[in-house]
Amino acid sequence: MTSDRELLDRWRADDQVAGRELFERHFHAVFRFFRSKIPDVADDLAQQTFLGCVRGKAQYRGQSSFRTYLFGIARNVLYEHLRGHRRRKAHADLGATSIADFGDARIGAATWVAERQENRLLLQALRQLPLDLQVALELHYWEDMTTAEIAEVTATPVGTVKRRLQRARGRLDALISELGESELMVRSTVDNFARWANELRGQLATKPKS
């Protein structure tokens, strides 16, 4: 199978077939990354991310995996998009701000993508985590990234990533307890976390039918 690096090099040389193949390989993961946060513009931001791969010729020389390079661009695109909203708000630290804190109707209406109550509760809790914690947790559970890979994506020391993941899971369980409508729902979501997280992962990666 042709490597991601080779496909990217060919796409940068104006091979549109290679570009489409690279896009098809990784689109669902990038789309999921944005859809859990800003569903209304997830498709547009995913497109911007792939275009960033083509434009950023000097940034990727193949020393790291293409996925970490791609998600590093996706994270930058996300944060840049959110900074436009922050100008109207009093948030000093974007990474310490949750998606729910923005309060924008377009940003805050993502729970419809989840089918089961446990999925909706999990997504609601994720979106109330500080953004740095949400990103780290999703890359770890949904993209199977190591702490070293997450550190590369987020331009953060590995030790900081490890602390973020520990804090994120503890805070997520606390939020599930706070937001759950019943003790039974909370216990089902927390005790079967891997199941609900995996289901939500698949749901978020699927574009809704128009």
Protein backbone atom coordinates (compact mmCIF):
# COMPACT_ATOMS: atom_id res chain seq x y z
CA MET A 1 0.00 0.00 0.00
CA THR A 2 1.24 3.47 -0.87
CA SER A 3 2.43 5.34 2.22
CA ASP A 4 0.79 8.52 3.47
CA ARG A 5 4.06 10.36 2.92
CA GLU A 6 4.22 9.32 -0.73
CA LEU A 7 0.58 10.25 -1.30
CA LEU A 8 1.18 13.65 0.27
CA ASP A 9 4.24 14.27 -1.89
CA ARG A 10 2.28 13.36 -4.99
CA TRP A 11 -0.66 15.53 -3.95
CA ARG A 12 1.70 18.46 -3.42
CA ALA A 13 2.91 17.84 -6.96
CA ASP A 14 -0.71 18.29 -8.13
CA ASP A 15 -1.69 14.60 -8.29
CA GLN A 16 -5.39 14.92 -7.42
CA VAL A 17 -5.93 11.15 -7.35
CA ALA A 18 -3.31 10.83 -4.60
CA GLY A 19 -4.98 13.70 -2.76
CA ARG A 20 -8.36 11.99 -2.86
CA GLU A 21 -6.86 8.72 -1.58
CA LEU A 22 -5.16 10.48 1.33
CA PHE A 23 -8.37 12.34 2.09
CA GLU A 24 -10.43 9.14 2.09
CA ARG A 25 -7.98 7.41 4.43
CA HIS A 26 -8.12 10.05 7.12
CA PHE A 27 -11.24 12.15 6.61
CA HIS A 28 -13.49 10.34 9.08
CA ALA A 29 -11.01 10.70 11.93
CA VAL A 30 -10.49 14.42 11.27
CA PHE A 31 -14.21 14.99 10.80
CA ARG A 32 -14.86 13.27 14.16
CA PHE A 33 -12.26 15.52 15.82
CA PHE A 34 -14.23 18.61 14.81
CA ARG A 35 -17.75 17.20 15.05
CA SER A 36 -17.45 16.47 18.77
CA LYS A 37 -16.79 20.18 19.26
CA ILE A 38 -18.27 22.31 16.43
CA PRO A 39 -20.63 20.11 14.39
CA ASP A 40 -22.05 22.82 12.15
CA VAL A 41 -18.67 23.59 10.59
CA ALA A 42 -16.92 20.23 11.07
CA ASP A 43 -16.88 19.51 7.34
CA ASP A 44 -15.41 22.92 6.48
CA LEU A 45 -12.74 22.68 9.18
CA ALA A 46 -11.80 19.17 8.04
CA GLN A 47 -11.35 20.49 4.51
CA GLN A 48 -9.16 23.34 5.83
CA THR A 49 -7.02 20.79 7.66
CA PHE A 50 -6.25 18.79 4.52
CA LEU A 51 -5.53 21.94 2.54
CA GLY A 52 -3.13 22.89 5.33
CA CYS A 53 -1.22 19.66 4.64
CA VAL A 54 -0.65 20.74 1.07
CA ARG A 55 0.30 24.31 1.92
CA GLY A 56 2.59 23.44 4.82
CA LYS A 57 5.35 21.88 2.74
CA ALA A 58 8.11 23.07 5.05
CA GLN A 59 6.47 21.72 8.21
CA TYR A 60 6.41 18.01 7.40
CA ARG A 61 9.55 16.19 6.35
CA GLY A 62 8.48 12.70 7.36
CA GLN A 63 10.30 12.55 10.70
CA SER A 64 7.02 11.81 12.48
CA SER A 65 3.88 9.96 11.46
CA PHE A 66 1.51 11.61 9.03
CA ARG A 67 -1.35 11.23 11.52
CA THR A 68 0.36 13.30 14.20
CA TYR A 69 1.18 15.93 11.57
CA LEU A 70 -2.43 15.92 10.36
CA PHE A 71 -3.95 16.19 13.83
CA GLY A 72 -1.47 18.92 14.74
CA ILE A 73 -2.89 20.93 11.85
CA ALA A 74 -6.45 20.03 12.88
CA ARG A 75 -5.81 21.27 16.41
CA ASN A 76 -4.40 24.55 15.08
CA VAL A 77 -7.40 24.99 12.77
CA LEU A 78 -9.78 24.34 15.69
CA TYR A 79 -8.06 26.78 18.02
CA GLU A 80 -7.83 29.47 15.35
CA HIS A 81 -11.53 29.09 14.62
CA LEU A 82 -12.40 29.37 18.30
CA ARG A 83 -10.21 32.43 18.75
CA GLY A 84 -12.64 34.26 16.48
CA HIS A 85 -15.36 33.58 19.05
CA ARG A 86 -13.09 34.41 21.96
CA ARG A 87 -12.65 37.98 20.74
CA ARG A 88 -16.22 38.58 21.80
CA LYS A 89 -15.74 36.84 25.16
CA ALA A 90 -13.56 37.19 28.21
CA HIS A 91 -11.63 33.91 28.00
CA ALA A 92 -7.91 34.41 28.66
CA ASP A 93 -6.76 30.83 28.09
CA LEU A 94 -8.36 28.95 25.20
CA GLY A 95 -7.04 25.56 26.27
CA ALA A 96 -8.55 26.00 29.73
CA THR A 97 -11.94 26.88 28.22
CA SER A 98 -14.53 24.23 27.42
CA ILE A 99 -16.66 24.18 24.30
CA ALA A 100 -19.69 24.58 26.55
CA ASP A 101 -18.19 27.79 27.99
CA PHE A 102 -18.52 29.55 24.66
CA GLY A 103 -22.30 29.44 24.90
CA ASP A 104 -22.69 29.90 21.14
CA ALA A 105 -25.77 28.07 19.84
CA ARG A 106 -23.87 26.73 16.83
CA ILE A 107 -21.00 25.49 18.96
CA GLY A 108 -23.19 24.12 21.72
CA ALA A 109 -25.64 21.93 19.79
CA ALA A 110 -23.74 18.70 19.21
CA THR A 111 -25.56 16.21 21.43
CA TRP A 112 -27.95 15.36 18.61
CA VAL A 113 -25.27 13.22 16.98
CA ALA A 114 -25.42 10.68 19.82
CA GLU A 115 -28.05 7.94 19.59
CA ARG A 116 -28.19 6.43 23.09
CA GLN A 117 -28.68 8.29 26.35
CA GLU A 118 -25.27 7.13 27.56
CA ASN A 119 -23.65 8.44 24.37
CA ARG A 120 -25.38 11.81 24.77
CA LEU A 121 -24.33 12.04 28.40
CA LEU A 122 -20.73 11.18 27.54
CA LEU A 123 -20.61 13.76 24.74
CA GLN A 124 -22.15 16.42 26.97
CA ALA A 125 -19.53 15.72 29.63
CA LEU A 126 -16.68 15.75 27.12
CA ARG A 127 -17.75 19.16 25.89
CA GLN A 128 -17.58 20.57 29.42
CA LEU A 129 -13.96 19.55 29.88
CA PRO A 130 -11.29 22.22 29.35
CA LEU A 131 -10.40 22.00 25.67
CA ASP A 132 -6.82 20.82 26.26
CA LEU A 133 -8.18 17.91 28.31
CA GLN A 134 -10.91 17.07 25.80
CA VAL A 135 -8.43 16.98 22.93
CA ALA A 136 -5.97 14.78 24.83
CA LEU A 137 -8.67 12.36 25.95
CA GLU A 138 -10.19 12.00 22.48
CA LEU A 139 -6.83 11.47 20.79
CA HIS A 140 -6.02 8.79 23.36
CA TYR A 141 -9.33 6.86 23.30
CA TRP A 142 -10.57 7.46 19.75
CA GLU A 143 -7.34 7.71 17.76
CA ASP A 144 -5.29 5.26 19.86
CA MET A 145 -2.44 7.74 20.17
CA THR A 146 0.36 7.26 22.67
CA THR A 147 1.29 10.01 25.10
CA ALA A 148 4.32 10.76 22.92
CA GLU A 149 2.12 11.16 19.84
CA ILE A 150 -0.34 13.38 21.70
CA ALA A 151 2.59 15.45 22.93
CA GLU A 152 3.67 15.95 19.34
CA VAL A 153 0.17 16.91 18.19
CA THR A 154 -0.27 19.42 21.01
CA ALA A 155 3.34 20.66 21.16
CA THR A 156 3.36 19.74 24.85
CA PRO A 157 5.86 17.77 27.00
CA VAL A 158 5.02 14.10 27.49
CA GLY A 159 4.78 14.57 31.26
CA THR A 160 2.18 17.28 30.79
CA VAL A 161 0.15 15.02 28.51
CA LYS A 162 0.20 12.23 31.10
CA ARG A 163 -1.07 14.63 33.76
CA ARG A 164 -3.76 15.92 31.43
CA LEU A 165 -5.01 12.42 30.71
CA GLN A 166 -5.19 11.60 34.42
CA ARG A 167 -7.04 14.82 35.17
CA ALA A 168 -9.30 14.43 32.15
CA ARG A 169 -10.62 10.98 33.02
CA GLY A 170 -11.21 11.92 36.66
CA ARG A 171 -12.94 15.15 35.71
CA LEU A 172 -15.00 13.38 33.04
CA ASP A 173 -16.37 10.86 35.55
CA ALA A 174 -17.26 13.73 37.90
CA LEU A 175 -19.06 15.58 35.10
CA ILE A 176 -21.00 12.46 34.13
CA SER A 177 -22.13 12.18 37.75
CA GLU A 178 -23.17 15.84 37.80
CA LEU A 179 -24.99 15.77 34.46
CA GLY A 180 -26.65 12.34 34.61
CA GLU A 181 -30.40 12.33 35.08
CA SER A 182 -30.34 9.23 37.25
CA GLU A 183 -27.89 7.16 39.24
CA LEU A 184 -28.60 4.22 36.93
CA MET A 185 -27.65 6.28 33.86
CA VAL A 186 -24.47 7.54 35.55
CA ARG A 187 -23.40 4.04 36.58
CA SER A 188 -24.11 2.62 33.12
CA THR A 189 -22.06 5.37 31.46
CA VAL A 190 -19.10 5.19 33.84
CA ASP A 191 -18.96 1.40 34.27
CA ASN A 192 -19.26 0.74 30.53
CA PHE A 193 -17.16 3.70 29.46
CA ALA A 194 -15.21 1.83 26.77
CA ARG A 195 -18.41 0.61 25.10
CA TRP A 196 -20.10 4.00 25.00
CA ALA A 197 -16.91 5.79 23.97
CA ASN A 198 -16.44 3.36 21.09
CA GLU A 199 -20.05 3.74 19.94
CA LEU A 200 -19.81 7.52 20.10
CA ARG A 201 -16.54 7.37 18.17
CA GLY A 202 -18.32 5.67 15.27
CA GLN A 203 -21.32 7.96 15.35
CA LEU A 204 -19.24 11.11 15.27
CA ALA A 205 -17.20 9.93 12.28
CA THR A 206 -20.29 9.45 10.08
CA LYS A 207 -21.49 12.48 8.19
CA PRO A 208 -25.25 13.06 8.59
CA LYS A 209 -27.39 12.49 5.52
CA SER A 210 -28.54 15.71 3.91
